[in-house]
Amino acid sequence: MKHAALTYLLSLLVLVFVTGCAGTRYPVRDYPYPLPRDDRDWEKRDKDWEERDRDWEERERDRDRDWEDRGRDSRRENGRSYPFSALDIPRGHLPPPGECKVWFPGKPPGHQPPPQSCSSALRNAPLGAWVISHEGSRYRVSIFNRNRRNIIDEVRYYLAN
């Protein structure tokens, strides 16, 4: 009885090993990328590659164009700025040039945190907060999402007359 069970287990182990290593897992030599069978397939494959190349070049051009436009403010160019009076923040509580201030709408000005570096303000802005930065003749207000961290819902520009 022990001998039959041992023979059965051994044959089962050999069967599992053989079927696991069988060539049926990858039935053809070029399994992941089959070679085309005739000229039409080769032409189709070449056309697909050309389309991919065109798409890639177009994406690269768009990325270069975006990079060139970086630093330009399309809203500023389109004249989309708000008057300073619409900001409703006293001038003494706005950040100096080169710094940012996290602002909590609904809190009184005396209970707002002090100005800090823009990188830390943008990185650590709480949900629903505004990050105000002084950029020359205007203030940039980044309004953060109330539900998801580090998502800016809107950017507004206020003229600092």
N, C-alpha and C. Protein backbone atom coordinates (compact mmCIF):
# COMPACT_ATOMS: atom_id res chain seq x y z
N MET A 1 0.83 -1.19 0.00
CA MET A 1 0.00 0.00 0.00
C MET A 1 0.87 1.26 0.00
N LYS A 2 1.92 1.26 0.85
CA LYS A 2 2.81 2.41 0.89
C LYS A 2 3.55 2.55 -0.43
N HIS A 3 3.93 1.43 -0.99
CA HIS A 3 4.66 1.45 -2.24
C HIS A 3 3.79 1.99 -3.38
N ALA A 4 2.51 1.64 -3.41
CA ALA A 4 1.59 2.13 -4.45
C ALA A 4 1.36 3.63 -4.29
N ALA A 5 1.21 4.09 -3.05
CA ALA A 5 0.99 5.52 -2.81
C ALA A 5 2.23 6.31 -3.20
N LEU A 6 3.40 5.79 -2.87
CA LEU A 6 4.65 6.46 -3.22
C LEU A 6 4.83 6.52 -4.74
N THR A 7 4.52 5.43 -5.42
CA THR A 7 4.61 5.39 -6.88
C THR A 7 3.63 6.38 -7.50
N TYR A 8 2.42 6.43 -6.94
CA TYR A 8 1.41 7.36 -7.44
C TYR A 8 1.87 8.81 -7.28
N LEU A 9 2.36 9.16 -6.11
CA LEU A 9 2.83 10.53 -5.86
C LEU A 9 4.01 10.88 -6.75
N LEU A 10 4.93 9.95 -6.93
CA LEU A 10 6.08 10.18 -7.78
C LEU A 10 5.66 10.40 -9.23
N SER A 11 4.73 9.57 -9.72
CA SER A 11 4.26 9.74 -11.10
C SER A 11 3.48 11.04 -11.25
N LEU A 12 2.73 11.42 -10.22
CA LEU A 12 2.00 12.69 -10.25
C LEU A 12 2.98 13.87 -10.29
N LEU A 13 4.04 13.80 -9.52
CA LEU A 13 5.06 14.85 -9.51
C LEU A 13 5.75 14.96 -10.87
N VAL A 14 6.08 13.82 -11.48
CA VAL A 14 6.70 13.83 -12.80
C VAL A 14 5.74 14.41 -13.83
N LEU A 15 4.47 14.05 -13.75
CA LEU A 15 3.47 14.56 -14.68
C LEU A 15 3.33 16.08 -14.56
N VAL A 16 3.28 16.59 -13.34
CA VAL A 16 3.19 18.04 -13.13
C VAL A 16 4.43 18.73 -13.68
N PHE A 17 5.59 18.18 -13.45
CA PHE A 17 6.83 18.77 -13.94
C PHE A 17 6.86 18.79 -15.47
N VAL A 18 6.48 17.71 -16.09
CA VAL A 18 6.53 17.61 -17.55
C VAL A 18 5.51 18.56 -18.18
N THR A 19 4.30 18.61 -17.66
CA THR A 19 3.30 19.50 -18.26
C THR A 19 3.63 20.96 -17.99
N GLY A 20 4.25 21.25 -16.87
CA GLY A 20 4.64 22.62 -16.57
C GLY A 20 5.75 23.10 -17.47
N CYS A 21 6.60 22.22 -17.93
CA CYS A 21 7.73 22.59 -18.78
C CYS A 21 7.45 22.32 -20.25
N ALA A 22 6.24 21.95 -20.57
CA ALA A 22 5.93 21.60 -21.96
C ALA A 22 5.95 22.82 -22.85
N GLY A 23 6.15 22.58 -24.13
CA GLY A 23 6.19 23.66 -25.10
C GLY A 23 4.82 24.18 -25.47
N THR A 24 3.76 23.63 -24.92
CA THR A 24 2.42 24.09 -25.26
C THR A 24 2.11 25.43 -24.63
N ARG A 25 2.91 25.84 -23.66
CA ARG A 25 2.67 27.15 -23.07
C ARG A 25 2.90 28.24 -24.11
N TYR A 26 3.96 28.11 -24.90
CA TYR A 26 4.26 29.02 -25.99
C TYR A 26 4.34 28.17 -27.26
N PRO A 27 3.23 28.00 -27.96
CA PRO A 27 3.19 27.04 -29.06
C PRO A 27 4.06 27.40 -30.25
N VAL A 28 4.36 28.67 -30.46
CA VAL A 28 5.18 29.04 -31.61
C VAL A 28 6.46 29.69 -31.13
N ARG A 29 7.44 29.66 -31.98
CA ARG A 29 8.75 30.19 -31.62
C ARG A 29 8.71 31.69 -31.38
N ASP A 30 7.92 32.41 -32.16
CA ASP A 30 7.87 33.86 -32.05
C ASP A 30 6.60 34.31 -31.33
N TYR A 31 6.28 33.69 -30.21
CA TYR A 31 5.02 33.90 -29.51
C TYR A 31 4.68 35.37 -29.21
N PRO A 32 5.54 36.11 -28.53
CA PRO A 32 5.08 37.45 -28.16
C PRO A 32 4.85 38.36 -29.36
N TYR A 33 5.70 38.28 -30.38
CA TYR A 33 5.59 39.14 -31.54
C TYR A 33 5.69 38.29 -32.80
N PRO A 34 4.58 37.78 -33.29
CA PRO A 34 4.65 36.92 -34.48
C PRO A 34 5.11 37.69 -35.71
N LEU A 35 5.88 37.02 -36.52
CA LEU A 35 6.34 37.64 -37.76
C LEU A 35 5.23 37.61 -38.79
N PRO A 36 5.15 38.63 -39.63
CA PRO A 36 4.13 38.65 -40.68
C PRO A 36 4.31 37.47 -41.65
N ARG A 37 3.19 37.02 -42.21
CA ARG A 37 3.22 35.84 -43.08
C ARG A 37 3.50 36.19 -44.53
N ASP A 38 2.99 37.32 -45.00
CA ASP A 38 3.20 37.67 -46.40
C ASP A 38 3.47 39.17 -46.52
N ASP A 39 3.60 39.63 -47.77
CA ASP A 39 3.99 41.02 -48.01
C ASP A 39 2.95 42.02 -47.49
N ARG A 40 1.66 41.67 -47.61
CA ARG A 40 0.63 42.58 -47.12
C ARG A 40 0.75 42.80 -45.61
N ASP A 41 1.05 41.72 -44.90
CA ASP A 41 1.23 41.85 -43.45
C ASP A 41 2.45 42.71 -43.12
N TRP A 42 3.52 42.53 -43.91
CA TRP A 42 4.71 43.36 -43.69
C TRP A 42 4.39 44.83 -43.93
N GLU A 43 3.62 45.11 -45.01
CA GLU A 43 3.26 46.49 -45.32
C GLU A 43 2.38 47.09 -44.22
N LYS A 44 1.43 46.29 -43.73
CA LYS A 44 0.58 46.76 -42.64
C LYS A 44 1.41 47.05 -41.40
N ARG A 45 2.36 46.18 -41.12
CA ARG A 45 3.22 46.38 -39.95
C ARG A 45 4.04 47.67 -40.11
N ASP A 46 4.58 47.89 -41.31
CA ASP A 46 5.34 49.11 -41.56
C ASP A 46 4.47 50.36 -41.42
N LYS A 47 3.23 50.28 -41.95
CA LYS A 47 2.32 51.42 -41.86
C LYS A 47 1.99 51.71 -40.39
N ASP A 48 1.77 50.66 -39.60
CA ASP A 48 1.50 50.85 -38.17
C ASP A 48 2.67 51.55 -37.49
N TRP A 49 3.88 51.11 -37.82
CA TRP A 49 5.06 51.73 -37.22
C TRP A 49 5.18 53.19 -37.64
N GLU A 50 4.88 53.49 -38.91
CA GLU A 50 4.95 54.87 -39.38
C GLU A 50 3.93 55.74 -38.65
N GLU A 51 2.71 55.21 -38.43
CA GLU A 51 1.70 55.95 -37.69
C GLU A 51 2.15 56.20 -36.26
N ARG A 52 2.74 55.20 -35.64
CA ARG A 52 3.25 55.38 -34.27
C ARG A 52 4.34 56.44 -34.24
N ASP A 53 5.22 56.42 -35.25
CA ASP A 53 6.28 57.43 -35.31
C ASP A 53 5.69 58.82 -35.46
N ARG A 54 4.67 58.96 -36.33
CA ARG A 54 4.03 60.26 -36.51
C ARG A 54 3.38 60.74 -35.22
N ASP A 55 2.67 59.82 -34.55
CA ASP A 55 2.05 60.18 -33.27
C ASP A 55 3.11 60.62 -32.26
N TRP A 56 4.20 59.88 -32.22
CA TRP A 56 5.26 60.20 -31.28
C TRP A 56 5.86 61.58 -31.59
N GLU A 57 6.11 61.85 -32.87
CA GLU A 57 6.67 63.15 -33.25
C GLU A 57 5.70 64.28 -32.94
N GLU A 58 4.41 64.03 -33.16
CA GLU A 58 3.42 65.05 -32.86
C GLU A 58 3.37 65.34 -31.36
N ARG A 59 3.40 64.28 -30.54
CA ARG A 59 3.42 64.47 -29.09
C ARG A 59 4.67 65.23 -28.65
N GLU A 60 5.79 64.91 -29.30
CA GLU A 60 7.04 65.58 -28.96
C GLU A 60 6.96 67.07 -29.32
N ARG A 61 6.38 67.39 -30.49
CA ARG A 61 6.20 68.79 -30.88
C ARG A 61 5.30 69.52 -29.89
N ASP A 62 4.20 68.86 -29.49
CA ASP A 62 3.30 69.48 -28.51
C ASP A 62 4.01 69.72 -27.19
N ARG A 63 4.81 68.75 -26.77
CA ARG A 63 5.54 68.90 -25.52
C ARG A 63 6.53 70.05 -25.62
N ASP A 64 7.22 70.17 -26.76
CA ASP A 64 8.15 71.28 -26.96
C ASP A 64 7.41 72.62 -26.96
N ARG A 65 6.26 72.65 -27.60
CA ARG A 65 5.47 73.88 -27.64
C ARG A 65 5.01 74.26 -26.24
N ASP A 66 4.58 73.25 -25.46
CA ASP A 66 4.17 73.52 -24.08
C ASP A 66 5.35 74.04 -23.27
N TRP A 67 6.52 73.48 -23.53
CA TRP A 67 7.71 73.91 -22.80
C TRP A 67 8.05 75.36 -23.15
N GLU A 68 7.90 75.71 -24.44
CA GLU A 68 8.18 77.09 -24.85
C GLU A 68 7.16 78.06 -24.25
N ASP A 69 5.91 77.61 -24.12
CA ASP A 69 4.88 78.47 -23.56
C ASP A 69 4.93 78.52 -22.04
N ARG A 70 5.73 77.67 -21.43
CA ARG A 70 5.82 77.63 -19.98
C ARG A 70 6.34 78.98 -19.49
N GLY A 71 5.76 79.46 -18.44
CA GLY A 71 6.16 80.75 -17.93
C GLY A 71 5.29 81.87 -18.47
N ARG A 72 4.64 81.63 -19.57
CA ARG A 72 3.69 82.61 -20.07
C ARG A 72 2.35 82.34 -19.41
N ASP A 73 1.63 83.36 -19.19
CA ASP A 73 0.34 83.20 -18.54
C ASP A 73 -0.75 83.49 -19.57
N SER A 74 -1.45 82.45 -20.00
CA SER A 74 -2.46 82.63 -21.03
C SER A 74 -3.60 83.52 -20.53
N ARG A 75 -3.92 83.44 -19.23
CA ARG A 75 -4.99 84.29 -18.72
C ARG A 75 -4.56 85.75 -18.75
N ARG A 76 -3.30 85.98 -18.45
CA ARG A 76 -2.79 87.35 -18.47
C ARG A 76 -2.81 87.88 -19.91
N GLU A 77 -2.42 87.04 -20.85
CA GLU A 77 -2.42 87.45 -22.24
C GLU A 77 -3.84 87.69 -22.75
N ASN A 78 -4.80 86.93 -22.23
CA ASN A 78 -6.18 87.11 -22.64
C ASN A 78 -6.87 88.22 -21.86
N GLY A 79 -6.16 88.85 -20.93
CA GLY A 79 -6.74 89.93 -20.16
C GLY A 79 -7.64 89.46 -19.03
N ARG A 80 -7.50 88.22 -18.58
CA ARG A 80 -8.36 87.69 -17.53
C ARG A 80 -7.70 87.90 -16.17
N SER A 81 -7.88 89.08 -15.60
CA SER A 81 -7.40 89.40 -14.27
C SER A 81 -8.53 90.06 -13.50
N TYR A 82 -8.51 89.90 -12.18
CA TYR A 82 -9.54 90.47 -11.33
C TYR A 82 -8.99 91.73 -10.66
N PRO A 83 -9.86 92.65 -10.30
CA PRO A 83 -9.38 93.83 -9.57
C PRO A 83 -8.98 93.44 -8.14
N PHE A 84 -8.07 94.20 -7.57
CA PHE A 84 -7.57 93.88 -6.23
C PHE A 84 -8.68 93.91 -5.19
N SER A 85 -9.66 94.78 -5.38
CA SER A 85 -10.75 94.91 -4.41
C SER A 85 -11.57 93.62 -4.30
N ALA A 86 -11.57 92.79 -5.34
CA ALA A 86 -12.33 91.54 -5.30
C ALA A 86 -11.66 90.47 -4.44
N LEU A 87 -10.41 90.69 -4.05
CA LEU A 87 -9.68 89.70 -3.26
C LEU A 87 -10.16 89.66 -1.81
N ASP A 88 -10.61 90.78 -1.27
CA ASP A 88 -11.12 90.86 0.11
C ASP A 88 -10.11 90.44 1.16
N ILE A 89 -8.86 90.78 0.95
CA ILE A 89 -7.81 90.53 1.94
C ILE A 89 -7.11 91.86 2.17
N PRO A 90 -6.94 92.28 3.44
CA PRO A 90 -6.25 93.55 3.69
C PRO A 90 -4.81 93.52 3.17
N ARG A 91 -4.32 94.64 2.66
CA ARG A 91 -2.98 94.70 2.08
C ARG A 91 -1.90 94.26 3.06
N GLY A 92 -2.05 94.58 4.30
CA GLY A 92 -1.03 94.22 5.30
C GLY A 92 -0.91 92.73 5.53
N HIS A 93 -1.87 91.95 5.09
CA HIS A 93 -1.84 90.50 5.29
C HIS A 93 -1.43 89.73 4.04
N LEU A 94 -1.06 90.45 2.99
CA LEU A 94 -0.61 89.79 1.77
C LEU A 94 0.89 89.50 1.87
N PRO A 95 1.37 88.47 1.16
CA PRO A 95 2.79 88.11 1.27
C PRO A 95 3.69 89.11 0.53
N PRO A 96 4.93 89.25 1.00
CA PRO A 96 5.87 90.09 0.26
C PRO A 96 6.31 89.39 -1.02
N PRO A 97 6.92 90.12 -1.96
CA PRO A 97 7.38 89.48 -3.20
C PRO A 97 8.35 88.33 -2.91
N GLY A 98 8.17 87.23 -3.62
CA GLY A 98 9.03 86.06 -3.46
C GLY A 98 8.57 85.08 -2.40
N GLU A 99 7.55 85.42 -1.64
CA GLU A 99 7.01 84.51 -0.63
C GLU A 99 5.54 84.24 -0.93
N CYS A 100 5.01 83.23 -0.25
CA CYS A 100 3.60 82.88 -0.42
C CYS A 100 2.93 82.84 0.94
N LYS A 101 1.62 82.91 0.90
CA LYS A 101 0.85 82.84 2.14
C LYS A 101 -0.31 81.89 1.93
N VAL A 102 -0.47 80.97 2.88
CA VAL A 102 -1.63 80.08 2.87
C VAL A 102 -2.76 80.85 3.52
N TRP A 103 -3.89 80.93 2.85
CA TRP A 103 -5.03 81.69 3.33
C TRP A 103 -6.23 80.76 3.44
N PHE A 104 -6.91 80.84 4.59
CA PHE A 104 -8.10 80.02 4.82
C PHE A 104 -9.33 80.91 4.66
N PRO A 105 -10.11 80.73 3.60
CA PRO A 105 -11.30 81.57 3.42
C PRO A 105 -12.27 81.36 4.59
N GLY A 106 -12.82 82.45 5.08
CA GLY A 106 -13.77 82.37 6.19
C GLY A 106 -13.12 82.64 7.54
N LYS A 107 -11.80 82.58 7.63
CA LYS A 107 -11.11 82.91 8.88
C LYS A 107 -10.76 84.39 8.88
N PRO A 108 -10.77 85.04 10.03
CA PRO A 108 -10.39 86.46 10.06
C PRO A 108 -8.91 86.64 9.76
N PRO A 109 -8.52 87.80 9.23
CA PRO A 109 -7.12 88.02 8.84
C PRO A 109 -6.11 87.80 9.96
N GLY A 110 -6.47 88.10 11.20
CA GLY A 110 -5.53 87.93 12.31
C GLY A 110 -5.26 86.48 12.67
N HIS A 111 -6.07 85.57 12.19
CA HIS A 111 -5.90 84.14 12.50
C HIS A 111 -5.29 83.34 11.35
N GLN A 112 -4.72 84.03 10.39
CA GLN A 112 -4.09 83.36 9.24
C GLN A 112 -2.62 83.11 9.54
N PRO A 113 -2.02 82.05 8.98
CA PRO A 113 -0.60 81.77 9.21
C PRO A 113 0.30 82.81 8.54
N PRO A 114 1.55 82.92 8.99
CA PRO A 114 2.47 83.90 8.40
C PRO A 114 2.94 83.46 7.01
N PRO A 115 3.53 84.38 6.25
CA PRO A 115 4.07 84.02 4.93
C PRO A 115 5.18 82.97 5.06
N GLN A 116 5.37 82.20 4.00
CA GLN A 116 6.40 81.16 3.97
C GLN A 116 6.90 81.01 2.54
N SER A 117 7.84 80.10 2.35
CA SER A 117 8.35 79.88 0.99
C SER A 117 7.24 79.29 0.13
N CYS A 118 7.27 79.62 -1.14
CA CYS A 118 6.21 79.16 -2.04
C CYS A 118 6.22 77.64 -2.20
N SER A 119 7.41 77.04 -2.21
CA SER A 119 7.46 75.58 -2.40
C SER A 119 6.79 74.87 -1.23
N SER A 120 7.05 75.30 0.00
CA SER A 120 6.42 74.63 1.14
C SER A 120 4.93 74.96 1.21
N ALA A 121 4.55 76.18 0.84
CA ALA A 121 3.13 76.54 0.86
C ALA A 121 2.34 75.70 -0.14
N LEU A 122 2.87 75.54 -1.34
CA LEU A 122 2.17 74.75 -2.35
C LEU A 122 2.17 73.27 -2.01
N ARG A 123 3.26 72.80 -1.43
CA ARG A 123 3.37 71.38 -1.09
C ARG A 123 2.47 71.00 0.08
N ASN A 124 2.34 71.89 1.07
CA ASN A 124 1.62 71.56 2.30
C ASN A 124 0.28 72.25 2.43
N ALA A 125 -0.27 72.74 1.35
CA ALA A 125 -1.55 73.45 1.43
C ALA A 125 -2.66 72.50 1.85
N PRO A 126 -3.42 72.86 2.89
CA PRO A 126 -4.53 72.01 3.32
C PRO A 126 -5.69 72.05 2.32
N LEU A 127 -6.65 71.17 2.52
CA LEU A 127 -7.81 71.11 1.65
C LEU A 127 -8.60 72.42 1.71
N GLY A 128 -8.97 72.94 0.55
CA GLY A 128 -9.79 74.14 0.48
C GLY A 128 -9.06 75.45 0.72
N ALA A 129 -7.76 75.41 0.96
CA ALA A 129 -7.00 76.63 1.24
C ALA A 129 -6.65 77.36 -0.05
N TRP A 130 -6.27 78.61 0.10
CA TRP A 130 -5.74 79.41 -1.01
C TRP A 130 -4.26 79.61 -0.75
N VAL A 131 -3.47 79.57 -1.81
CA VAL A 131 -2.06 79.94 -1.69
C VAL A 131 -1.87 81.20 -2.52
N ILE A 132 -1.46 82.27 -1.84
CA ILE A 132 -1.32 83.57 -2.48
C ILE A 132 0.15 83.86 -2.67
N SER A 133 0.53 84.22 -3.89
CA SER A 133 1.92 84.60 -4.16
C SER A 133 1.93 85.97 -4.83
N HIS A 134 2.95 86.74 -4.53
CA HIS A 134 3.09 88.09 -5.08
C HIS A 134 4.02 88.01 -6.28
N GLU A 135 3.49 88.27 -7.46
CA GLU A 135 4.27 88.17 -8.70
C GLU A 135 4.30 89.53 -9.38
N GLY A 136 5.21 90.37 -8.95
CA GLY A 136 5.36 91.68 -9.59
C GLY A 136 4.17 92.58 -9.36
N SER A 137 3.42 92.85 -10.41
CA SER A 137 2.29 93.78 -10.32
C SER A 137 0.96 93.06 -10.09
N ARG A 138 1.02 91.83 -9.68
CA ARG A 138 -0.22 91.08 -9.46
C ARG A 138 -0.02 90.03 -8.37
N TYR A 139 -1.13 89.54 -7.88
CA TYR A 139 -1.13 88.45 -6.91
C TYR A 139 -1.74 87.23 -7.59
N ARG A 140 -1.10 86.11 -7.40
CA ARG A 140 -1.60 84.85 -7.96
C ARG A 140 -2.22 84.06 -6.81
N VAL A 141 -3.47 83.66 -6.97
CA VAL A 141 -4.18 82.90 -5.94
C VAL A 141 -4.51 81.52 -6.50
N SER A 142 -3.90 80.50 -5.90
CA SER A 142 -4.17 79.11 -6.28
C SER A 142 -5.20 78.56 -5.30
N ILE A 143 -6.35 78.19 -5.80
CA ILE A 143 -7.43 77.69 -4.95
C ILE A 143 -7.40 76.17 -4.99
N PHE A 144 -7.14 75.57 -3.84
CA PHE A 144 -7.00 74.12 -3.75
C PHE A 144 -8.35 73.44 -3.57
N ASN A 145 -8.44 72.22 -4.06
CA ASN A 145 -9.65 71.41 -3.98
C ASN A 145 -9.99 71.13 -2.53
N ARG A 146 -11.29 71.04 -2.23
CA ARG A 146 -11.72 70.79 -0.85
C ARG A 146 -11.76 69.31 -0.51
N ASN A 147 -11.66 68.44 -1.51
CA ASN A 147 -11.78 67.00 -1.26
C ASN A 147 -10.51 66.21 -1.51
N ARG A 148 -9.65 66.67 -2.43
CA ARG A 148 -8.45 65.91 -2.80
C ARG A 148 -7.21 66.76 -2.58
N ARG A 149 -6.20 66.18 -1.95
CA ARG A 149 -4.96 66.90 -1.64
C ARG A 149 -4.16 67.22 -2.89
N ASN A 150 -3.50 68.37 -2.84
CA ASN A 150 -2.57 68.82 -3.88
C ASN A 150 -3.21 68.96 -5.26
N ILE A 151 -4.49 69.20 -5.31
CA ILE A 151 -5.18 69.44 -6.57
C ILE A 151 -5.63 70.91 -6.58
N ILE A 152 -5.17 71.66 -7.57
CA ILE A 152 -5.56 73.06 -7.69
C ILE A 152 -6.77 73.15 -8.61
N ASP A 153 -7.86 73.67 -8.06
CA ASP A 153 -9.09 73.80 -8.84
C ASP A 153 -9.05 74.99 -9.78
N GLU A 154 -8.51 76.09 -9.29
CA GLU A 154 -8.55 77.32 -10.07
C GLU A 154 -7.37 78.20 -9.69
N VAL A 155 -6.89 78.97 -10.65
CA VAL A 155 -5.85 79.97 -10.41
C VAL A 155 -6.42 81.31 -10.85
N ARG A 156 -6.39 82.27 -9.94
CA ARG A 156 -6.88 83.62 -10.24
C ARG A 156 -5.75 84.62 -10.10
N TYR A 157 -5.82 85.68 -10.87
CA TYR A 157 -4.83 86.75 -10.82
C TYR A 157 -5.52 88.05 -10.45
N TYR A 158 -4.98 88.72 -9.45
CA TYR A 158 -5.51 90.00 -8.99
C TYR A 158 -4.45 91.07 -9.20
N LEU A 159 -4.85 92.17 -9.81
CA LEU A 159 -3.92 93.27 -10.07
C LEU A 159 -3.62 94.01 -8.78
N ALA A 160 -2.35 94.26 -8.51
CA ALA A 160 -1.93 94.96 -7.29
C ALA A 160 -1.70 96.43 -7.62
N ASN A 161 -2.77 97.18 -7.79
CA ASN A 161 -2.66 98.60 -8.19
C ASN A 161 -1.95 99.39 -7.12
